C-alpha atoms as a PDB file:
ATOM      1  CA  MET A   1       0.000   0.000   0.000  1.00  0.00           C
ATOM      2  CA  ARG A   2       2.865   2.369   0.829  1.00  0.00           C
ATOM      3  CA  ARG A   3       4.230   1.920  -2.709  1.00  0.00           C
ATOM      4  CA  LEU A   4       1.054   3.479  -4.117  1.00  0.00           C
ATOM      5  CA  ILE A   5       0.917   6.569  -1.867  1.00  0.00           C
ATOM      6  CA  LEU A   6       3.986   8.369  -3.276  1.00  0.00           C
ATOM      7  CA  PRO A   7       3.029   7.957  -6.963  1.00  0.00           C
ATOM      8  CA  ALA A   8      -0.551   9.078  -6.185  1.00  0.00           C
ATOM      9  CA  MET A   9       0.689  12.207  -4.374  1.00  0.00           C
ATOM     10  CA  LEU A  10       3.062  13.015  -7.234  1.00  0.00           C
ATOM     11  CA  ALA A  11       0.293  12.654  -9.819  1.00  0.00           C
ATOM     12  CA  ALA A  12      -2.020  14.910  -7.779  1.00  0.00           C
ATOM     13  CA  THR A  13       0.674  17.576  -7.403  1.00  0.00           C
ATOM     14  CA  LEU A  14       1.385  17.570 -11.135  1.00  0.00           C
ATOM     15  CA  ALA A  15      -2.292  17.745 -11.960  1.00  0.00           C
ATOM     16  CA  LEU A  16      -2.784  20.801  -9.744  1.00  0.00           C
ATOM     17  CA  THR A  17       0.333  22.755 -10.742  1.00  0.00           C
ATOM     18  CA  GLY A  18       1.698  21.627 -14.083  1.00  0.00           C
ATOM     19  CA  CYS A  19      -1.267  21.458 -16.378  1.00  0.00           C
ATOM     20  CA  ASP A  20      -1.903  25.177 -16.764  1.00  0.00           C
ATOM     21  CA  SER A  21       1.571  26.404 -17.631  1.00  0.00           C
ATOM     22  CA  SER A  22       1.954  29.923 -18.985  1.00  0.00           C
ATOM     23  CA  GLU A  23       5.128  28.931 -20.897  1.00  0.00           C
ATOM     24  CA  PRO A  24       4.728  29.055 -24.685  1.00  0.00           C
ATOM     25  CA  ALA A  25       4.790  25.731 -26.460  1.00  0.00           C
ATOM     26  CA  PRO A  26       8.062  24.874 -28.230  1.00  0.00           C
ATOM     27  CA  PRO A  27       8.029  25.428 -32.002  1.00  0.00           C
ATOM     28  CA  GLU A  28       6.967  22.479 -34.066  1.00  0.00           C
ATOM     29  CA  ALA A  29       9.231  20.871 -36.630  1.00  0.00           C
ATOM     30  CA  GLY A  30       8.298  21.337 -40.235  1.00  0.00           C
ATOM     31  CA  PRO A  31       8.932  23.703 -43.139  1.00  0.00           C
ATOM     32  CA  GLY A  32      10.897  26.704 -41.957  1.00  0.00           C
ATOM     33  CA  ALA A  33      11.919  25.082 -38.668  1.00  0.00           C
ATOM     34  CA  ASP A  34      15.587  25.639 -39.508  1.00  0.00           C
ATOM     35  CA  ALA A  35      15.027  29.067 -41.050  1.00  0.00           C
ATOM     36  CA  ASP A  36      17.316  30.802 -38.563  1.00  0.00           C
ATOM     37  CA  LEU A  37      20.271  28.547 -39.403  1.00  0.00           C
ATOM     38  CA  ASP A  38      22.730  29.806 -42.012  1.00  0.00           C
ATOM     39  CA  LEU A  39      22.733  26.634 -44.113  1.00  0.00           C
ATOM     40  CA  PRO A  40      23.538  26.645 -47.837  1.00  0.00           C
ATOM     41  CA  ALA A  41      20.438  26.482 -50.033  1.00  0.00           C
ATOM     42  CA  GLY A  42      19.364  23.113 -51.374  1.00  0.00           C
ATOM     43  CA  GLY A  43      21.877  21.147 -49.302  1.00  0.00           C
ATOM     44  CA  ALA A  44      24.856  22.690 -51.115  1.00  0.00           C
ATOM     45  CA  GLY A  45      28.045  22.565 -49.101  1.00  0.00           C
ATOM     46  CA  THR A  46      27.022  19.489 -47.147  1.00  0.00           C
ATOM     47  CA  GLU A  47      28.730  16.829 -49.284  1.00  0.00           C
ATOM     48  CA  THR A  48      32.058  15.378 -48.110  1.00  0.00           C
ATOM     49  CA  PRO A  49      34.506  15.067 -51.014  1.00  0.00           C
ATOM     50  CA  ALA A  50      36.434  11.880 -51.717  1.00  0.00           C
ATOM     51  CA  CYS A  51      40.184  11.715 -51.237  1.00  0.00           C
ATOM     52  CA  PRO A  52      41.576  14.054 -53.912  1.00  0.00           C
ATOM     53  CA  PHE A  53      44.948  12.317 -54.372  1.00  0.00           C
ATOM     54  CA  THR A  54      46.597   9.048 -55.294  1.00  0.00           C
ATOM     55  CA  ALA A  55      49.983   7.931 -53.969  1.00  0.00           C
ATOM     56  CA  THR A  56      51.532   8.783 -57.352  1.00  0.00           C
ATOM     57  CA  GLN A  57      50.150  12.329 -57.229  1.00  0.00           C
ATOM     58  CA  ILE A  58      51.338  12.788 -53.644  1.00  0.00           C
ATOM     59  CA  SER A  59      54.805  11.499 -54.579  1.00  0.00           C
ATOM     60  CA  ASP A  60      55.027  14.003 -57.424  1.00  0.00           C
ATOM     61  CA  LEU A  61      53.820  16.893 -55.256  1.00  0.00           C
ATOM     62  CA  VAL A  62      56.151  16.303 -52.299  1.00  0.00           C
ATOM     63  CA  GLY A  63      59.115  15.049 -54.351  1.00  0.00           C
ATOM     64  CA  GLN A  64      59.425  11.784 -52.442  1.00  0.00           C
ATOM     65  CA  SER A  65      58.111   8.289 -53.062  1.00  0.00           C
ATOM     66  CA  MET A  66      54.956   7.684 -51.040  1.00  0.00           C
ATOM     67  CA  VAL A  67      52.634   4.707 -50.613  1.00  0.00           C
ATOM     68  CA  ASP A  68      48.895   4.691 -49.973  1.00  0.00           C
ATOM     69  CA  ASP A  69      48.187   3.641 -46.379  1.00  0.00           C
ATOM     70  CA  GLY A  70      44.409   3.880 -46.879  1.00  0.00           C
ATOM     71  CA  ARG A  71      41.796   6.459 -45.867  1.00  0.00           C
ATOM     72  CA  CYS A  72      43.683   9.293 -47.607  1.00  0.00           C
ATOM     73  CA  SER A  73      46.863   8.695 -45.596  1.00  0.00           C
ATOM     74  CA  PHE A  74      50.240   8.246 -47.240  1.00  0.00           C
ATOM     75  CA  GLY A  75      53.607   7.173 -45.886  1.00  0.00           C
ATOM     76  CA  ASP A  76      57.156   6.800 -47.085  1.00  0.00           C
ATOM     77  CA  GLY A  77      57.054   3.007 -46.598  1.00  0.00           C
ATOM     78  CA  LYS A  78      59.642   3.264 -43.798  1.00  0.00           C
ATOM     79  CA  GLY A  79      57.308   4.446 -41.061  1.00  0.00           C
ATOM     80  CA  VAL A  80      58.846   7.918 -40.881  1.00  0.00           C
ATOM     81  CA  ALA A  81      57.296  10.521 -43.200  1.00  0.00           C
ATOM     82  CA  THR A  82      53.497  10.768 -43.232  1.00  0.00           C
ATOM     83  CA  LEU A  83      50.959  12.846 -45.099  1.00  0.00           C
ATOM     84  CA  SER A  84      47.238  12.781 -44.467  1.00  0.00           C
ATOM     85  CA  VAL A  85      44.307  14.567 -46.041  1.00  0.00           C
ATOM     86  CA  THR A  86      41.128  14.865 -44.017  1.00  0.00           C
ATOM     87  CA  THR A  87      38.070  15.795 -46.059  1.00  0.00           C
ATOM     88  CA  ALA A  88      34.828  17.278 -44.803  1.00  0.00           C
ATOM     89  CA  SER A  89      31.889  19.192 -46.184  1.00  0.00           C
ATOM     90  CA  GLN A  90      32.148  22.931 -46.745  1.00  0.00           C
ATOM     91  CA  LEU A  91      29.673  23.428 -43.903  1.00  0.00           C
ATOM     92  CA  ALA A  92      31.766  21.340 -41.495  1.00  0.00           C
ATOM     93  CA  GLY A  93      34.912  23.197 -42.548  1.00  0.00           C
ATOM     94  CA  GLU A  94      33.283  26.586 -41.990  1.00  0.00           C
ATOM     95  CA  THR A  95      32.050  25.430 -38.590  1.00  0.00           C
ATOM     96  CA  THR A  96      35.441  24.255 -37.308  1.00  0.00           C
ATOM     97  CA  TYR A  97      37.766  26.685 -39.126  1.00  0.00           C
ATOM     98  CA  ASP A  98      38.265  29.247 -36.339  1.00  0.00           C
ATOM     99  CA  TYR A  99      39.023  26.525 -33.801  1.00  0.00           C
ATOM    100  CA  GLN A 100      41.483  24.772 -36.138  1.00  0.00           C
ATOM    101  CA  ARG A 101      43.307  28.024 -36.859  1.00  0.00           C
ATOM    102  CA  GLN A 102      43.514  28.869 -33.148  1.00  0.00           C
ATOM    103  CA  GLN A 103      44.981  25.428 -32.433  1.00  0.00           C
ATOM    104  CA  ALA A 104      47.489  25.843 -35.272  1.00  0.00           C
ATOM    105  CA  GLU A 105      48.706  29.112 -33.748  1.00  0.00           C
ATOM    106  CA  GLN A 106      49.478  27.231 -30.541  1.00  0.00           C
ATOM    107  CA  THR A 107      51.152  24.274 -32.271  1.00  0.00           C
ATOM    108  CA  TYR A 108      53.124  25.685 -35.216  1.00  0.00           C
ATOM    109  CA  GLN A 109      55.873  28.317 -35.442  1.00  0.00           C
ATOM    110  CA  THR A 110      54.220  30.279 -38.272  1.00  0.00           C
ATOM    111  CA  VAL A 111      50.625  30.476 -39.459  1.00  0.00           C
ATOM    112  CA  THR A 112      49.881  32.304 -42.716  1.00  0.00           C
ATOM    113  CA  ASP A 113      46.479  33.009 -44.290  1.00  0.00           C
ATOM    114  CA  LEU A 114      46.016  31.871 -47.888  1.00  0.00           C
ATOM    115  CA  ASP A 115      46.144  34.437 -50.684  1.00  0.00           C
ATOM    116  CA  GLY A 116      43.615  34.961 -53.443  1.00  0.00           C
ATOM    117  CA  GLY A 117      40.407  35.067 -51.442  1.00  0.00           C
ATOM    118  CA  ALA A 118      40.502  31.385 -50.473  1.00  0.00           C
ATOM    119  CA  LYS A 119      39.592  30.641 -46.869  1.00  0.00           C
ATOM    120  CA  GLY A 120      42.470  28.774 -45.350  1.00  0.00           C
ATOM    121  CA  TYR A 121      45.888  28.881 -43.816  1.00  0.00           C
ATOM    122  CA  LEU A 122      49.346  27.307 -43.883  1.00  0.00           C
ATOM    123  CA  ALA A 123      51.021  26.386 -40.598  1.00  0.00           C
ATOM    124  CA  VAL A 124      54.660  25.290 -40.435  1.00  0.00           C
ATOM    125  CA  LYS A 125      57.200  24.145 -37.865  1.00  0.00           C
ATOM    126  CA  ASP A 126      60.558  22.415 -38.207  1.00  0.00           C
ATOM    127  CA  ILE A 127      59.260  18.827 -38.366  1.00  0.00           C
ATOM    128  CA  GLY A 128      55.775  19.242 -39.769  1.00  0.00           C
ATOM    129  CA  ALA A 129      53.111  21.363 -41.364  1.00  0.00           C
ATOM    130  CA  GLU A 130      49.357  21.729 -41.755  1.00  0.00           C
ATOM    131  CA  ALA A 131      47.148  23.454 -44.268  1.00  0.00           C
ATOM    132  CA  VAL A 132      43.411  23.998 -44.227  1.00  0.00           C
ATOM    133  CA  LEU A 133      41.349  24.996 -47.257  1.00  0.00           C
ATOM    134  CA  VAL A 134      37.599  25.594 -47.167  1.00  0.00           C
ATOM    135  CA  GLY A 135      35.923  26.041 -50.537  1.00  0.00           C
ATOM    136  CA  ASP A 136      32.863  25.176 -52.590  1.00  0.00           C
ATOM    137  CA  ALA A 137      34.224  21.660 -53.246  1.00  0.00           C
ATOM    138  CA  GLY A 138      34.519  20.953 -49.514  1.00  0.00           C
ATOM    139  CA  SER A 139      37.005  21.318 -46.704  1.00  0.00           C
ATOM    140  CA  PHE A 140      40.497  19.832 -46.720  1.00  0.00           C
ATOM    141  CA  THR A 141      43.040  19.550 -43.916  1.00  0.00           C
ATOM    142  CA  VAL A 142      46.487  18.438 -45.108  1.00  0.00           C
ATOM    143  CA  THR A 143      49.052  17.373 -42.509  1.00  0.00           C
ATOM    144  CA  LEU A 144      52.706  16.528 -43.200  1.00  0.00           C
ATOM    145  CA  SER A 145      55.127  15.155 -40.650  1.00  0.00           C
ATOM    146  CA  SER A 146      58.759  14.042 -40.495  1.00  0.00           C
ATOM    147  CA  PHE A 147      59.794  14.665 -44.103  1.00  0.00           C
ATOM    148  CA  GLU A 148      63.576  14.825 -43.772  1.00  0.00           C
ATOM    149  CA  ARG A 149      64.119  16.431 -47.179  1.00  0.00           C
ATOM    150  CA  LEU A 150      61.428  19.081 -46.643  1.00  0.00           C
ATOM    151  CA  GLY A 151      62.668  19.929 -43.160  1.00  0.00           C
ATOM    152  CA  ALA A 152      66.210  20.427 -44.439  1.00  0.00           C
ATOM    153  CA  GLN A 153      65.108  23.273 -46.743  1.00  0.00           C
ATOM    154  CA  PRO A 154      64.295  26.700 -45.213  1.00  0.00           C
ATOM    155  CA  ASP A 155      60.756  26.753 -46.660  1.00  0.00           C
ATOM    156  CA  GLY A 156      60.437  23.136 -47.823  1.00  0.00           C
ATOM    157  CA  TYR A 157      57.225  22.363 -45.944  1.00  0.00           C
ATOM    158  CA  GLU A 158      55.557  25.584 -47.070  1.00  0.00           C
ATOM    159  CA  GLN A 159      56.428  24.963 -50.731  1.00  0.00           C
ATOM    160  CA  ALA A 160      55.105  21.393 -50.537  1.00  0.00           C
ATOM    161  CA  LEU A 161      51.869  22.588 -48.894  1.00  0.00           C
ATOM    162  CA  ARG A 162      51.353  25.225 -51.571  1.00  0.00           C
ATOM    163  CA  ARG A 163      51.742  22.597 -54.318  1.00  0.00           C
ATOM    164  CA  LEU A 164      49.268  20.339 -52.532  1.00  0.00           C
ATOM    165  CA  LEU A 165      46.758  23.162 -52.021  1.00  0.00           C
ATOM    166  CA  ASP A 166      47.038  24.196 -55.681  1.00  0.00           C
ATOM    167  CA  ALA A 167      46.113  20.624 -56.678  1.00  0.00           C
ATOM    168  CA  LEU A 168      42.998  20.492 -54.478  1.00  0.00           C
ATOM    169  CA  PRO A 169      39.542  21.033 -55.982  1.00  0.00           C
ATOM    170  CA  ARG A 170      38.084  24.379 -55.046  1.00  0.00           C
END
């Protein structure tokens, strides 16, 4: 009998106080429900592009033989130098861009905005580099690490990143 008293009291309290709320009802889902979001029209900018490179293309662009490790990751076959390309939709890239750039400023020695109106940056340090490009074709984050030949040149990583960015779809 005691087990029934508490639920009965709770139901009575809710009936007396909660049924006549002056709070407005939440908006219903339907056409126009996402009208205040700044989404591209017709779903544009929401497609994630495929990996834009092959191992042969990467090898040509960085000037070193690379092998495909799968999922748009490439290595030198010795377990030292690595290059990865992370793809995302334009919308995802726009959403995370400021955070990525802030993190790059804390991780890399230099961070430079891209020229020519493209939204992106190049970030370089002595043993690695990162570039982010956000465009109509999607968002691309390119990361290079431990390329001995590139690190030996004063601007080797930056030059390699610029070649890679120039080869990306925009």
